[in-house]
C-alpha atoms as a PDB file:
ATOM      1  CA  MET A   1      23.694 -10.697   2.089  1.00  0.00           C
ATOM      2  CA  THR A   2      19.980 -10.126   2.056  1.00  0.00           C
ATOM      3  CA  LEU A   3      17.161  -8.214   3.656  1.00  0.00           C
ATOM      4  CA  SER A   4      14.231 -10.495   4.484  1.00  0.00           C
ATOM      5  CA  LEU A   5      10.532 -10.582   5.125  1.00  0.00           C
ATOM      6  CA  ALA A   6       9.454 -13.819   6.796  1.00  0.00           C
ATOM      7  CA  VAL A   7       5.913 -14.626   6.451  1.00  0.00           C
ATOM      8  CA  ASP A   8       3.857 -16.782   8.911  1.00  0.00           C
ATOM      9  CA  THR A   9       2.129 -18.393   6.287  1.00  0.00           C
ATOM     10  CA  ALA A  10      -0.717 -20.077   8.432  1.00  0.00           C
ATOM     11  CA  ARG A  11      -1.530 -16.863  10.429  1.00  0.00           C
ATOM     12  CA  TRP A  12      -1.319 -14.595   7.436  1.00  0.00           C
ATOM     13  CA  ARG A  13      -3.898 -16.723   5.226  1.00  0.00           C
ATOM     14  CA  ALA A  14      -6.474 -16.886   8.128  1.00  0.00           C
ATOM     15  CA  HIS A  15      -6.301 -13.205   8.480  1.00  0.00           C
ATOM     16  CA  GLN A  16      -6.965 -12.786   4.670  1.00  0.00           C
ATOM     17  CA  ARG A  17      -9.872 -15.186   5.129  1.00  0.00           C
ATOM     18  CA  ALA A  18     -11.104 -12.994   7.830  1.00  0.00           C
ATOM     19  CA  VAL A  19     -11.090 -10.132   5.922  1.00  0.00           C
ATOM     20  CA  LEU A  20     -12.826 -11.799   3.007  1.00  0.00           C
ATOM     21  CA  ALA A  21     -15.738 -12.958   5.205  1.00  0.00           C
ATOM     22  CA  GLU A  22     -16.109  -9.489   6.359  1.00  0.00           C
ATOM     23  CA  PHE A  23     -16.359  -7.755   3.057  1.00  0.00           C
ATOM     24  CA  PRO A  24     -18.426 -10.052   0.983  1.00  0.00           C
ATOM     25  CA  GLY A  25     -17.518  -9.434  -2.649  1.00  0.00           C
ATOM     26  CA  LEU A  26     -13.720  -8.520  -1.474  1.00  0.00           C
ATOM     27  CA  VAL A  27     -11.377  -6.918  -4.427  1.00  0.00           C
ATOM     28  CA  PRO A  28      -7.680  -7.783  -3.119  1.00  0.00           C
ATOM     29  CA  VAL A  29      -5.392  -5.197  -4.642  1.00  0.00           C
ATOM     30  CA  ALA A  30      -2.077  -6.064  -5.549  1.00  0.00           C
ATOM     31  CA  LYS A  31      -0.229  -2.738  -6.941  1.00  0.00           C
ATOM     32  CA  GLY A  32       3.167  -1.169  -6.806  1.00  0.00           C
ATOM     33  CA  ASN A  33       5.929  -3.038  -4.804  1.00  0.00           C
ATOM     34  CA  GLY A  34       2.996  -5.684  -3.836  1.00  0.00           C
ATOM     35  CA  TYR A  35       3.245  -4.304  -0.211  1.00  0.00           C
ATOM     36  CA  GLY A  36       6.811  -5.880   0.082  1.00  0.00           C
ATOM     37  CA  LEU A  37       5.497  -9.208  -0.992  1.00  0.00           C
ATOM     38  CA  GLY A  38       5.382  -8.843  -4.683  1.00  0.00           C
ATOM     39  CA  ASN A  39       2.488  -8.497  -6.810  1.00  0.00           C
ATOM     40  CA  ALA A  40       2.971 -11.842  -8.451  1.00  0.00           C
ATOM     41  CA  ARG A  41       2.841 -13.470  -5.017  1.00  0.00           C
ATOM     42  CA  LEU A  42      -0.353 -11.510  -4.169  1.00  0.00           C
ATOM     43  CA  ALA A  43      -1.930 -12.308  -7.199  1.00  0.00           C
ATOM     44  CA  ALA A  44      -1.228 -16.212  -6.199  1.00  0.00           C
ATOM     45  CA  GLU A  45      -2.682 -15.430  -2.884  1.00  0.00           C
ATOM     46  CA  ALA A  46      -5.907 -13.951  -4.579  1.00  0.00           C
ATOM     47  CA  GLU A  47      -6.308 -16.929  -6.562  1.00  0.00           C
ATOM     48  CA  LEU A  48      -6.159 -19.088  -3.649  1.00  0.00           C
ATOM     49  CA  LEU A  49      -8.646 -17.078  -1.978  1.00  0.00           C
ATOM     50  CA  GLY A  50     -10.994 -17.951  -4.728  1.00  0.00           C
ATOM     51  CA  THR A  51     -11.914 -14.261  -5.659  1.00  0.00           C
ATOM     52  CA  PRO A  52     -13.111 -13.868  -9.297  1.00  0.00           C
ATOM     53  CA  LEU A  53     -11.796  -9.993  -9.926  1.00  0.00           C
ATOM     54  CA  LEU A  54      -8.164  -8.687  -8.634  1.00  0.00           C
ATOM     55  CA  ALA A  55      -7.411  -4.891  -8.511  1.00  0.00           C
ATOM     56  CA  VAL A  56      -3.724  -3.640  -9.748  1.00  0.00           C
ATOM     57  CA  GLY A  57      -2.296  -0.136 -10.098  1.00  0.00           C
ATOM     58  CA  THR A  58      -1.366   0.063 -13.730  1.00  0.00           C
ATOM     59  CA  ALA A  59      -1.888  -1.622 -17.143  1.00  0.00           C
ATOM     60  CA  ALA A  60       1.732  -2.991 -17.119  1.00  0.00           C
ATOM     61  CA  GLU A  61       1.169  -4.543 -13.697  1.00  0.00           C
ATOM     62  CA  ALA A  62      -1.929  -6.122 -14.955  1.00  0.00           C
ATOM     63  CA  ALA A  63      -0.210  -7.799 -17.928  1.00  0.00           C
ATOM     64  CA  ALA A  64       2.691  -8.811 -15.283  1.00  0.00           C
ATOM     65  CA  VAL A  65       0.192 -10.887 -12.755  1.00  0.00           C
ATOM     66  CA  LEU A  66      -2.099 -12.470 -15.585  1.00  0.00           C
ATOM     67  CA  ASP A  67      -0.217 -15.973 -15.248  1.00  0.00           C
ATOM     68  CA  HIS A  68      -0.368 -15.602 -11.563  1.00  0.00           C
ATOM     69  CA  PHE A  69      -4.292 -15.103 -11.577  1.00  0.00           C
ATOM     70  CA  ARG A  70      -6.644 -16.506 -13.767  1.00  0.00           C
ATOM     71  CA  GLY A  71      -9.938 -14.190 -12.860  1.00  0.00           C
ATOM     72  CA  ASP A  72     -10.790 -10.867 -13.975  1.00  0.00           C
ATOM     73  CA  VAL A  73      -8.140  -8.021 -13.525  1.00  0.00           C
ATOM     74  CA  LEU A  74      -9.136  -4.397 -12.795  1.00  0.00           C
ATOM     75  CA  VAL A  75      -6.697  -1.726 -13.819  1.00  0.00           C
ATOM     76  CA  LEU A  76      -7.368   1.324 -10.933  1.00  0.00           C
ATOM     77  CA  THR A  77      -5.240   4.048 -12.601  1.00  0.00           C
ATOM     78  CA  PRO A  78      -7.602   5.672 -14.971  1.00  0.00           C
ATOM     79  CA  TYR A  79      -7.302   5.292 -18.840  1.00  0.00           C
ATOM     80  CA  ARG A  80      -5.822   8.306 -20.516  1.00  0.00           C
ATOM     81  CA  ALA A  81      -7.043   9.093 -24.160  1.00  0.00           C
ATOM     82  CA  GLY A  82      -4.112   8.389 -26.213  1.00  0.00           C
ATOM     83  CA  GLU A  83      -2.020   6.587 -23.877  1.00  0.00           C
ATOM     84  CA  ASP A  84      -0.052   3.810 -25.323  1.00  0.00           C
ATOM     85  CA  GLN A  85      -2.286   0.669 -26.015  1.00  0.00           C
ATOM     86  CA  ALA A  86      -0.977  -2.319 -24.180  1.00  0.00           C
ATOM     87  CA  GLU A  87      -1.786  -5.761 -25.655  1.00  0.00           C
ATOM     88  CA  LEU A  88      -4.342  -7.239 -22.913  1.00  0.00           C
ATOM     89  CA  PRO A  89      -7.106  -9.838 -22.618  1.00  0.00           C
ATOM     90  CA  ALA A  90     -10.840  -9.172 -22.735  1.00  0.00           C
ATOM     91  CA  ARG A  91     -10.427 -10.231 -18.897  1.00  0.00           C
ATOM     92  CA  VAL A  92      -8.600  -6.696 -18.136  1.00  0.00           C
ATOM     93  CA  ILE A  93     -11.044  -4.109 -17.057  1.00  0.00           C
ATOM     94  CA  ARG A  94     -10.031  -0.406 -17.221  1.00  0.00           C
ATOM     95  CA  THR A  95     -10.761   2.201 -15.022  1.00  0.00           C
ATOM     96  CA  VAL A  96     -12.020   5.536 -16.565  1.00  0.00           C
ATOM     97  CA  ALA A  97     -12.329   9.115 -14.960  1.00  0.00           C
ATOM     98  CA  HIS A  98     -12.977  11.585 -17.917  1.00  0.00           C
ATOM     99  CA  LEU A  99     -15.770  11.486 -21.015  1.00  0.00           C
ATOM    100  CA  GLU A 100     -12.936  11.604 -23.677  1.00  0.00           C
ATOM    101  CA  ALA A 101     -11.326   8.521 -22.507  1.00  0.00           C
ATOM    102  CA  LEU A 102     -14.225   6.787 -22.340  1.00  0.00           C
ATOM    103  CA  ARG A 103     -14.816   7.486 -25.825  1.00  0.00           C
ATOM    104  CA  ALA A 104     -11.254   6.985 -26.940  1.00  0.00           C
ATOM    105  CA  LEU A 105     -11.218   3.111 -25.912  1.00  0.00           C
ATOM    106  CA  PRO A 106     -11.535   0.554 -28.392  1.00  0.00           C
ATOM    107  CA  PRO A 107     -15.048  -0.948 -29.029  1.00  0.00           C
ATOM    108  CA  GLY A 108     -15.813  -3.522 -26.722  1.00  0.00           C
ATOM    109  CA  SER A 109     -13.693  -2.664 -23.676  1.00  0.00           C
ATOM    110  CA  ARG A 110     -14.746  -3.293 -20.213  1.00  0.00           C
ATOM    111  CA  VAL A 111     -14.894  -0.311 -18.157  1.00  0.00           C
ATOM    112  CA  VAL A 112     -15.476   0.972 -14.575  1.00  0.00           C
ATOM    113  CA  VAL A 113     -16.648   4.694 -14.278  1.00  0.00           C
ATOM    114  CA  GLU A 114     -14.552   6.276 -11.381  1.00  0.00           C
ATOM    115  CA  CYS A 115     -16.733   9.340  -9.721  1.00  0.00           C
ATOM    116  CA  MET A 116     -15.255  12.528  -8.468  1.00  0.00           C
ATOM    117  CA  THR A 117     -15.593  11.943  -4.466  1.00  0.00           C
ATOM    118  CA  SER A 118     -14.279  14.396  -1.838  1.00  0.00           C
ATOM    119  CA  MET A 119     -11.115  12.899  -2.199  1.00  0.00           C
ATOM    120  CA  ARG A 120     -10.723  15.391  -5.565  1.00  0.00           C
ATOM    121  CA  ARG A 121      -8.517  13.222  -7.254  1.00  0.00           C
ATOM    122  CA  HIS A 122     -10.066  12.047 -10.316  1.00  0.00           C
ATOM    123  CA  GLY A 123     -13.289  11.277 -11.685  1.00  0.00           C
ATOM    124  CA  ILE A 124     -16.414  12.372 -13.261  1.00  0.00           C
ATOM    125  CA  ALA A 125     -19.008  14.848 -12.018  1.00  0.00           C
ATOM    126  CA  PRO A 126     -22.205  14.079 -11.088  1.00  0.00           C
ATOM    127  CA  ALA A 127     -23.411  16.431 -14.133  1.00  0.00           C
ATOM    128  CA  ASP A 128     -21.167  14.265 -16.311  1.00  0.00           C
ATOM    129  CA  LEU A 129     -23.705  11.189 -15.962  1.00  0.00           C
ATOM    130  CA  PRO A 130     -26.339  11.716 -18.273  1.00  0.00           C
ATOM    131  CA  ARG A 131     -23.628  12.335 -21.076  1.00  0.00           C
ATOM    132  CA  LEU A 132     -21.648   9.251 -20.336  1.00  0.00           C
ATOM    133  CA  PRO A 133     -21.173   7.850 -23.821  1.00  0.00           C
ATOM    134  CA  MET A 134     -22.102   3.946 -22.815  1.00  0.00           C
ATOM    135  CA  ASP A 135     -22.367   3.004 -26.355  1.00  0.00           C
ATOM    136  CA  GLY A 136     -19.703   0.250 -27.425  1.00  0.00           C
ATOM    137  CA  VAL A 137     -18.260  -0.592 -24.267  1.00  0.00           C
ATOM    138  CA  VAL A 138     -18.937  -3.208 -21.615  1.00  0.00           C
ATOM    139  CA  PHE A 139     -19.988  -1.435 -18.325  1.00  0.00           C
ATOM    140  CA  GLU A 140     -18.963  -2.991 -15.294  1.00  0.00           C
ATOM    141  CA  GLY A 141     -19.717  -0.562 -12.839  1.00  0.00           C
ATOM    142  CA  PHE A 142     -19.007   2.595 -10.944  1.00  0.00           C
ATOM    143  CA  ALA A 143     -15.942   3.401  -8.494  1.00  0.00           C
ATOM    144  CA  LEU A 144     -15.887   5.596  -5.359  1.00  0.00           C
ATOM    145  CA  HIS A 145     -12.558   6.196  -3.625  1.00  0.00           C
ATOM    146  CA  LEU A 146     -13.024   7.634  -0.123  1.00  0.00           C
ATOM    147  CA  PRO A 147     -10.961   9.623   2.141  1.00  0.00           C
ATOM    148  CA  LEU A 148      -9.125   7.675   4.778  1.00  0.00           C
ATOM    149  CA  ASP A 149      -9.892  10.468   7.347  1.00  0.00           C
ATOM    150  CA  ARG A 150     -12.422  13.373   7.735  1.00  0.00           C
ATOM    151  CA  PRO A 151     -10.916  15.896  10.114  1.00  0.00           C
ATOM    152  CA  GLY A 152     -13.678  17.655  12.122  1.00  0.00           C
ATOM    153  CA  GLU A 153     -16.799  15.546  10.967  1.00  0.00           C
ATOM    154  CA  ALA A 154     -18.432  12.875  13.472  1.00  0.00           C
ATOM    155  CA  PRO A 155     -16.735   9.733  14.103  1.00  0.00           C
ATOM    156  CA  GLY A 156     -17.442   6.408  12.110  1.00  0.00           C
ATOM    157  CA  ASP A 157     -18.363   6.043   8.604  1.00  0.00           C
ATOM    158  CA  GLU A 158     -21.509   8.434   8.081  1.00  0.00           C
ATOM    159  CA  ALA A 159     -20.163  10.915   6.270  1.00  0.00           C
ATOM    160  CA  SER A 160     -19.034   8.401   3.750  1.00  0.00           C
ATOM    161  CA  VAL A 161     -21.947   6.598   3.705  1.00  0.00           C
ATOM    162  CA  ALA A 162     -23.872   9.918   2.897  1.00  0.00           C
ATOM    163  CA  GLU A 163     -21.600  10.437  -0.117  1.00  0.00           C
ATOM    164  CA  VAL A 164     -21.920   7.133  -1.320  1.00  0.00           C
ATOM    165  CA  THR A 165     -25.608   7.412  -0.957  1.00  0.00           C
ATOM    166  CA  GLY A 166     -25.709  10.518  -3.070  1.00  0.00           C
ATOM    167  CA  TRP A 167     -23.848   9.050  -5.814  1.00  0.00           C
ATOM    168  CA  VAL A 168     -26.112   5.944  -6.086  1.00  0.00           C
ATOM    169  CA  GLU A 169     -28.818   8.482  -6.065  1.00  0.00           C
ATOM    170  CA  ALA A 170     -27.549  10.405  -8.791  1.00  0.00           C
ATOM    171  CA  VAL A 171     -26.401   7.416 -10.799  1.00  0.00           C
ATOM    172  CA  ALA A 172     -30.057   5.958 -10.554  1.00  0.00           C
ATOM    173  CA  ALA A 173     -31.751   9.437 -11.225  1.00  0.00           C
ATOM    174  CA  ALA A 174     -29.529   9.733 -14.811  1.00  0.00           C
ATOM    175  CA  GLY A 175     -31.197   6.590 -15.741  1.00  0.00           C
ATOM    176  CA  LEU A 176     -27.827   4.443 -15.466  1.00  0.00           C
ATOM    177  CA  PRO A 177     -27.533   0.945 -13.961  1.00  0.00           C
ATOM    178  CA  THR A 178     -26.441   0.773 -10.324  1.00  0.00           C
ATOM    179  CA  GLY A 179     -25.687  -2.909 -10.113  1.00  0.00           C
ATOM    180  CA  THR A 180     -22.059  -2.702  -9.095  1.00  0.00           C
ATOM    181  CA  VAL A 181     -20.216  -0.184  -6.972  1.00  0.00           C
ATOM    182  CA  PHE A 182     -16.833  -0.634  -6.234  1.00  0.00           C
ATOM    183  CA  LEU A 183     -15.599   1.314  -3.118  1.00  0.00           C
ATOM    184  CA  SER A 184     -12.355   2.036  -1.237  1.00  0.00           C
ATOM    185  CA  HIS A 185     -11.866   2.959   2.195  1.00  0.00           C
ATOM    186  CA  LEU A 186     -15.307   2.342   3.914  1.00  0.00           C
ATOM    187  CA  GLY A 187     -15.767  -0.033   6.892  1.00  0.00           C
ATOM    188  CA  ALA A 188     -17.629  -3.406   6.745  1.00  0.00           C
ATOM    189  CA  ALA A 189     -20.713  -1.428   8.882  1.00  0.00           C
ATOM    190  CA  GLY A 190     -20.651   1.308   6.526  1.00  0.00           C
ATOM    191  CA  VAL A 191     -21.262  -1.168   3.718  1.00  0.00           C
ATOM    192  CA  ALA A 192     -23.569  -3.065   5.140  1.00  0.00           C
ATOM    193  CA  ARG A 193     -25.815  -0.079   5.724  1.00  0.00           C
ATOM    194  CA  LEU A 194     -25.471   0.611   2.078  1.00  0.00           C
ATOM    195  CA  ALA A 195     -26.416  -2.966   1.105  1.00  0.00           C
ATOM    196  CA  ALA A 196     -29.763  -2.763   3.188  1.00  0.00           C
ATOM    197  CA  ARG A 197     -30.566   0.491   1.924  1.00  0.00           C
ATOM    198  CA  PHE A 198     -29.679  -0.368  -1.809  1.00  0.00           C
ATOM    199  CA  PRO A 199     -30.669  -4.287  -1.916  1.00  0.00           C
ATOM    200  CA  GLY A 200     -30.299  -4.000  -5.847  1.00  0.00           C
ATOM    201  CA  THR A 201     -26.757  -2.467  -5.588  1.00  0.00           C
ATOM    202  CA  ASP A 202     -23.729  -5.210  -5.272  1.00  0.00           C
ATOM    203  CA  PHE A 203     -20.904  -2.984  -3.280  1.00  0.00           C
ATOM    204  CA  ARG A 204     -17.796  -4.561  -3.604  1.00  0.00           C
ATOM    205  CA  SER A 205     -14.716  -3.122  -1.613  1.00  0.00           C
ATOM    206  CA  ARG A 206     -11.438  -2.641  -2.755  1.00  0.00           C
ATOM    207  CA  ILE A 207      -8.925  -3.494  -0.177  1.00  0.00           C
ATOM    208  CA  GLY A 208      -5.005  -3.742  -0.064  1.00  0.00           C
ATOM    209  CA  THR A 209      -3.425  -2.735   2.970  1.00  0.00           C
ATOM    210  CA  ARG A 210      -5.760  -4.272   5.335  1.00  0.00           C
ATOM    211  CA  LEU A 211      -5.961  -7.685   3.454  1.00  0.00           C
ATOM    212  CA  TRP A 212      -2.031  -8.156   3.004  1.00  0.00           C
ATOM    213  CA  LEU A 213      -0.706  -6.165   5.976  1.00  0.00           C
ATOM    214  CA  GLY A 214      -3.513  -6.027   8.742  1.00  0.00           C
ATOM    215  CA  ASP A 215      -1.855  -8.445  11.031  1.00  0.00           C
ATOM    216  CA  PRO A 216       1.608  -7.050  11.352  1.00  0.00           C
ATOM    217  CA  GLY A 217       2.494 -10.189  13.747  1.00  0.00           C
ATOM    218  CA  ALA A 218       2.539 -12.392  10.802  1.00  0.00           C
ATOM    219  CA  LEU A 219       5.214 -10.644   9.133  1.00  0.00           C
ATOM    220  CA  THR A 220       8.751  -9.972  10.168  1.00  0.00           C
ATOM    221  CA  ALA A 221      11.395  -8.137   8.824  1.00  0.00           C
ATOM    222  CA  ARG A 222      15.022  -8.927   9.056  1.00  0.00           C
ATOM    223  CA  ALA A 223      18.444  -7.885   7.957  1.00  0.00           C
ATOM    224  CA  THR A 224      21.998  -9.898   8.043  1.00  0.00           C
ATOM    225  CA  VAL A 225      24.910  -8.581  10.273  1.00  0.00           C
ATOM    226  CA  LEU A 226      27.625  -8.425   7.522  1.00  0.00           C
ATOM    227  CA  ASP A 227      30.306  -6.837   9.880  1.00  0.00           C
ATOM    228  CA  VAL A 228      31.120  -5.384  13.193  1.00  0.00           C
ATOM    229  CA  THR A 229      33.762  -3.190  14.164  1.00  0.00           C
ATOM    230  CA  PRO A 230      34.611  -1.897  17.401  1.00  0.00           C
ATOM    231  CA  ILE A 231      35.130   1.831  17.861  1.00  0.00           C
ATOM    232  CA  VAL A 232      36.589   4.379  20.329  1.00  0.00           C
ATOM    233  CA  LYS A 233      35.204   7.822  21.213  1.00  0.00           C
ATOM    234  CA  GLY A 234      36.559  10.157  18.927  1.00  0.00           C
ATOM    235  CA  ASP A 235      37.471   7.834  15.926  1.00  0.00           C
ATOM    236  CA  ARG A 236      36.468   8.929  12.779  1.00  0.00           C
ATOM    237  CA  TYR A 237      34.390   6.509  10.291  1.00  0.00           C
ATOM    238  CA  GLY A 238      32.304   6.591   7.382  1.00  0.00           C
ATOM    239  CA  TYR A 239      32.159   8.440   3.984  1.00  0.00           C
ATOM    240  CA  ARG A 240      32.139  11.749   5.878  1.00  0.00           C
ATOM    241  CA  GLN A 241      34.148  10.954   8.435  1.00  0.00           C
ATOM    242  CA  HIS A 242      32.091  11.596  11.485  1.00  0.00           C
ATOM    243  CA  ARG A 243      33.345  11.219  15.191  1.00  0.00           C
ATOM    244  CA  ALA A 244      32.389   8.323  17.624  1.00  0.00           C
ATOM    245  CA  PRO A 245      30.331  10.090  20.181  1.00  0.00           C
ATOM    246  CA  SER A 246      31.342   7.268  22.413  1.00  0.00           C
ATOM    247  CA  ASP A 247      32.766   4.005  22.900  1.00  0.00           C
ATOM    248  CA  GLY A 248      30.904   1.031  20.985  1.00  0.00           C
ATOM    249  CA  HIS A 249      30.399  -0.940  17.651  1.00  0.00           C
ATOM    250  CA  LEU A 250      29.595   0.019  14.386  1.00  0.00           C
ATOM    251  CA  LEU A 251      27.511  -2.589  12.840  1.00  0.00           C
ATOM    252  CA  VAL A 252      27.281  -2.917   8.794  1.00  0.00           C
ATOM    253  CA  VAL A 253      23.536  -4.532   8.555  1.00  0.00           C
ATOM    254  CA  THR A 254      21.792  -5.460   5.097  1.00  0.00           C
ATOM    255  CA  GLY A 255      19.272  -2.735   3.916  1.00  0.00           C
ATOM    256  CA  GLY A 256      19.727   0.506   2.080  1.00  0.00           C
ATOM    257  CA  THR A 257      18.234   3.102  -0.057  1.00  0.00           C
ATOM    258  CA  ALA A 258      17.708   0.776  -2.800  1.00  0.00           C
ATOM    259  CA  HIS A 259      15.421  -1.329  -0.544  1.00  0.00           C
ATOM    260  CA  GLY A 260      13.799   1.855   0.765  1.00  0.00           C
ATOM    261  CA  VAL A 261      15.718   1.702   4.009  1.00  0.00           C
ATOM    262  CA  GLY A 262      15.696   5.032   5.283  1.00  0.00           C
ATOM    263  CA  LEU A 263      13.227   7.008   2.978  1.00  0.00           C
ATOM    264  CA  GLU A 264      10.107   8.086   4.318  1.00  0.00           C
ATOM    265  CA  ALA A 265       6.930   9.448   2.731  1.00  0.00           C
ATOM    266  CA  PRO A 266       5.979  12.752   3.941  1.00  0.00           C
ATOM    267  CA  LYS A 267       3.470  12.508   7.283  1.00  0.00           C
ATOM    268  CA  TYR A 268       0.307  14.333   8.084  1.00  0.00           C
ATOM    269  CA  LEU A 269       0.359  15.103  11.849  1.00  0.00           C
ATOM    270  CA  HIS A 270      -2.819  15.760  13.872  1.00  0.00           C
ATOM    271  CA  GLY A 271      -2.734  17.087  17.298  1.00  0.00           C
ATOM    272  CA  MET A 272       0.134  18.554  19.450  1.00  0.00           C
ATOM    273  CA  VAL A 273       1.909  15.391  20.652  1.00  0.00           C
ATOM    274  CA  PRO A 274       2.889  13.807  17.209  1.00  0.00           C
ATOM    275  CA  ARG A 275       3.932  17.686  16.008  1.00  0.00           C
ATOM    276  CA  ALA A 276       6.005  17.587  19.087  1.00  0.00           C
ATOM    277  CA  LYS A 277       7.501  14.442  18.308  1.00  0.00           C
ATOM    278  CA  GLY A 278       8.063  15.681  14.574  1.00  0.00           C
ATOM    279  CA  LEU A 279       9.943  18.716  15.847  1.00  0.00           C
ATOM    280  CA  ALA A 280      12.145  16.516  17.936  1.00  0.00           C
ATOM    281  CA  ARG A 281      13.093  14.220  15.388  1.00  0.00           C
ATOM    282  CA  ALA A 282      13.865  17.371  13.288  1.00  0.00           C
ATOM    283  CA  GLY A 283      16.409  18.956  15.716  1.00  0.00           C
ATOM    284  CA  LEU A 284      18.145  15.492  16.309  1.00  0.00           C
ATOM    285  CA  ALA A 285      18.470  15.281  12.295  1.00  0.00           C
ATOM    286  CA  THR A 286      20.269  18.622  12.522  1.00  0.00           C
ATOM    287  CA  VAL A 287      23.154  17.403  14.582  1.00  0.00           C
ATOM    288  CA  ASN A 288      23.151  14.004  12.879  1.00  0.00           C
ATOM    289  CA  ARG A 289      21.206  11.873  14.958  1.00  0.00           C
ATOM    290  CA  THR A 290      18.621   9.767  13.536  1.00  0.00           C
ATOM    291  CA  LEU A 291      17.182   6.672  14.481  1.00  0.00           C
ATOM    292  CA  SER A 292      17.261   3.855  12.254  1.00  0.00           C
ATOM    293  CA  PRO A 293      14.552   1.175  11.929  1.00  0.00           C
ATOM    294  CA  TYR A 294      16.659  -1.741  13.159  1.00  0.00           C
ATOM    295  CA  SER A 295      16.494  -2.978  16.841  1.00  0.00           C
ATOM    296  CA  TRP A 296      18.969  -5.127  18.681  1.00  0.00           C
ATOM    297  CA  THR A 297      18.043  -6.692  22.103  1.00  0.00           C
ATOM    298  CA  GLY A 298      15.300  -4.997  22.049  1.00  0.00           C
ATOM    299  CA  ARG A 299      16.909  -1.547  21.795  1.00  0.00           C
ATOM    300  CA  GLN A 300      16.312   0.510  18.663  1.00  0.00           C
ATOM    301  CA  LEU A 301      19.437   1.757  17.140  1.00  0.00           C
ATOM    302  CA  TRP A 302      20.669   5.078  15.513  1.00  0.00           C
ATOM    303  CA  PHE A 303      22.018   5.404  11.975  1.00  0.00           C
ATOM    304  CA  ALA A 304      25.631   6.082  12.138  1.00  0.00           C
ATOM    305  CA  GLU A 305      25.630   7.745   8.936  1.00  0.00           C
ATOM    306  CA  PRO A 306      22.817   8.020   6.179  1.00  0.00           C
ATOM    307  CA  PRO A 307      22.055   4.708   4.836  1.00  0.00           C
ATOM    308  CA  HIS A 308      24.311   3.508   1.571  1.00  0.00           C
ATOM    309  CA  MET A 309      22.801   2.174  -1.308  1.00  0.00           C
ATOM    310  CA  GLN A 310      22.572  -1.894  -0.224  1.00  0.00           C
ATOM    311  CA  VAL A 311      23.753  -1.594   3.397  1.00  0.00           C
ATOM    312  CA  SER A 312      23.231   0.657   6.490  1.00  0.00           C
ATOM    313  CA  ILE A 313      25.673   1.197   9.050  1.00  0.00           C
ATOM    314  CA  LEU A 314      24.402   1.360  12.855  1.00  0.00           C
ATOM    315  CA  PHE A 315      26.146   2.776  16.032  1.00  0.00           C
ATOM    316  CA  LEU A 316      25.934   0.515  18.862  1.00  0.00           C
ATOM    317  CA  PRO A 317      26.680   1.572  22.417  1.00  0.00           C
ATOM    318  CA  GLY A 318      29.474   0.007  24.212  1.00  0.00           C
ATOM    319  CA  ASP A 319      27.393  -0.893  27.135  1.00  0.00           C
ATOM    320  CA  THR A 320      25.620  -3.648  24.775  1.00  0.00           C
ATOM    321  CA  LYS A 321      27.173  -6.717  23.695  1.00  0.00           C
ATOM    322  CA  PRO A 322      27.585  -6.648  20.021  1.00  0.00           C
ATOM    323  CA  PRO A 323      25.986  -9.406  17.717  1.00  0.00           C
ATOM    324  CA  VAL A 324      28.383 -11.688  15.671  1.00  0.00           C
ATOM    325  CA  ILE A 325      28.397 -12.010  11.478  1.00  0.00           C
ATOM    326  CA  GLY A 326      25.600 -13.823  10.290  1.00  0.00           C
ATOM    327  CA  ASP A 327      23.048 -12.459  13.340  1.00  0.00           C
ATOM    328  CA  GLU A 328      19.956 -11.471  11.884  1.00  0.00           C
ATOM    329  CA  LEU A 329      18.508  -7.636  13.320  1.00  0.00           C
ATOM    330  CA  PRO A 330      14.689  -7.343  13.331  1.00  0.00           C
ATOM    331  CA  LEU A 331      13.830  -3.853  11.637  1.00  0.00           C
ATOM    332  CA  ASN A 332      10.527  -2.109  11.645  1.00  0.00           C
ATOM    333  CA  THR A 333       9.970  -0.759   8.043  1.00  0.00           C
ATOM    334  CA  ARG A 334       7.254   0.238   6.010  1.00  0.00           C
ATOM    335  CA  HIS A 335       6.397  -2.476   3.861  1.00  0.00           C
ATOM    336  CA  THR A 336       4.826  -0.246   0.839  1.00  0.00           C
ATOM    337  CA  THR A 337       8.053   1.335   0.359  1.00  0.00           C
ATOM    338  CA  THR A 338      10.521  -1.425   1.178  1.00  0.00           C
ATOM    339  CA  HIS A 339      12.027  -3.801  -1.469  1.00  0.00           C
ATOM    340  CA  PHE A 340      12.897  -7.029   0.125  1.00  0.00           C
ATOM    341  CA  ASP A 341      15.711  -9.416  -1.185  1.00  0.00           C
ATOM    342  CA  ARG A 342      13.788 -12.320  -0.550  1.00  0.00           C
ATOM    343  CA  VAL A 343      10.289 -13.650   1.088  1.00  0.00           C
ATOM    344  CA  VAL A 344      10.360 -16.553   3.303  1.00  0.00           C
ATOM    345  CA  ASP A 345       7.291 -18.562   4.324  1.00  0.00           C
ATOM    346  CA  ARG A 346       7.723 -20.175   7.555  1.00  0.00           C
END
């Protein structure tokens, strides 16, 4: 009884190497659920890539990957003054986004200073640069986390390149070192333009999604069929005893809320077509009609009812030959919110 993620290992690693070649100095990111593959696996893959630095989300994640990666580990979540200090080795680098946090770190701590970009998430302001207390810490560079999208602005990376340029110039004007700047969400062409403009600065891209999930064909999610039950129109079924809309079969398959199946993050919609589709989905949901991520014979199936904790029940119309117990169904699920029971190399 497993929800599986099959990895075409040779193809997946070839994609990783291609991204590494496109972004010299790349810093792989392994955080959260490890993009569906697990952080330990991604740390081991970063080790195979030969990258000297791995980025993780939290201090706890840093501690968990140390046995799988021999290089330095950068914690992306900024250190908060007063937080519980984990016992971490010197090869772990902390991010700081506030002056008081920088002052609160133990002497000799290795740090990356996060700058407040147009993301407006966290970071120091340009006015704080001259007041950075750099004594007593080992400074590893500045970090700029950029927006993924800039509605209403010219296409390309021009706005992001301009924003990074402004920060590098501000750092230099404050008399601070510009030797290393970590970047998130900037294309290779934009990074190359910055490198040409600031030859003394090493721009290092922190990349997770594109590195691990950038070739969807290398990763295949599959669920196991646990049961197949014939049903006729009007039969009641499930926790809520809904009536079957027509003759068909109920398929019980692996994958439920504990795996992240049926759970969805809010989406930001641009344009009329995506909004219309969203309204259509919402309208269907009001009459208990919700498409599932599962497919059979190329046909996307409907949830018969909301997913259970570890399984889902699907409705298969009677005009389609049903699978048998033990068959596998492909599913299209978001890897960053899915917890697979196993990852299988092939």
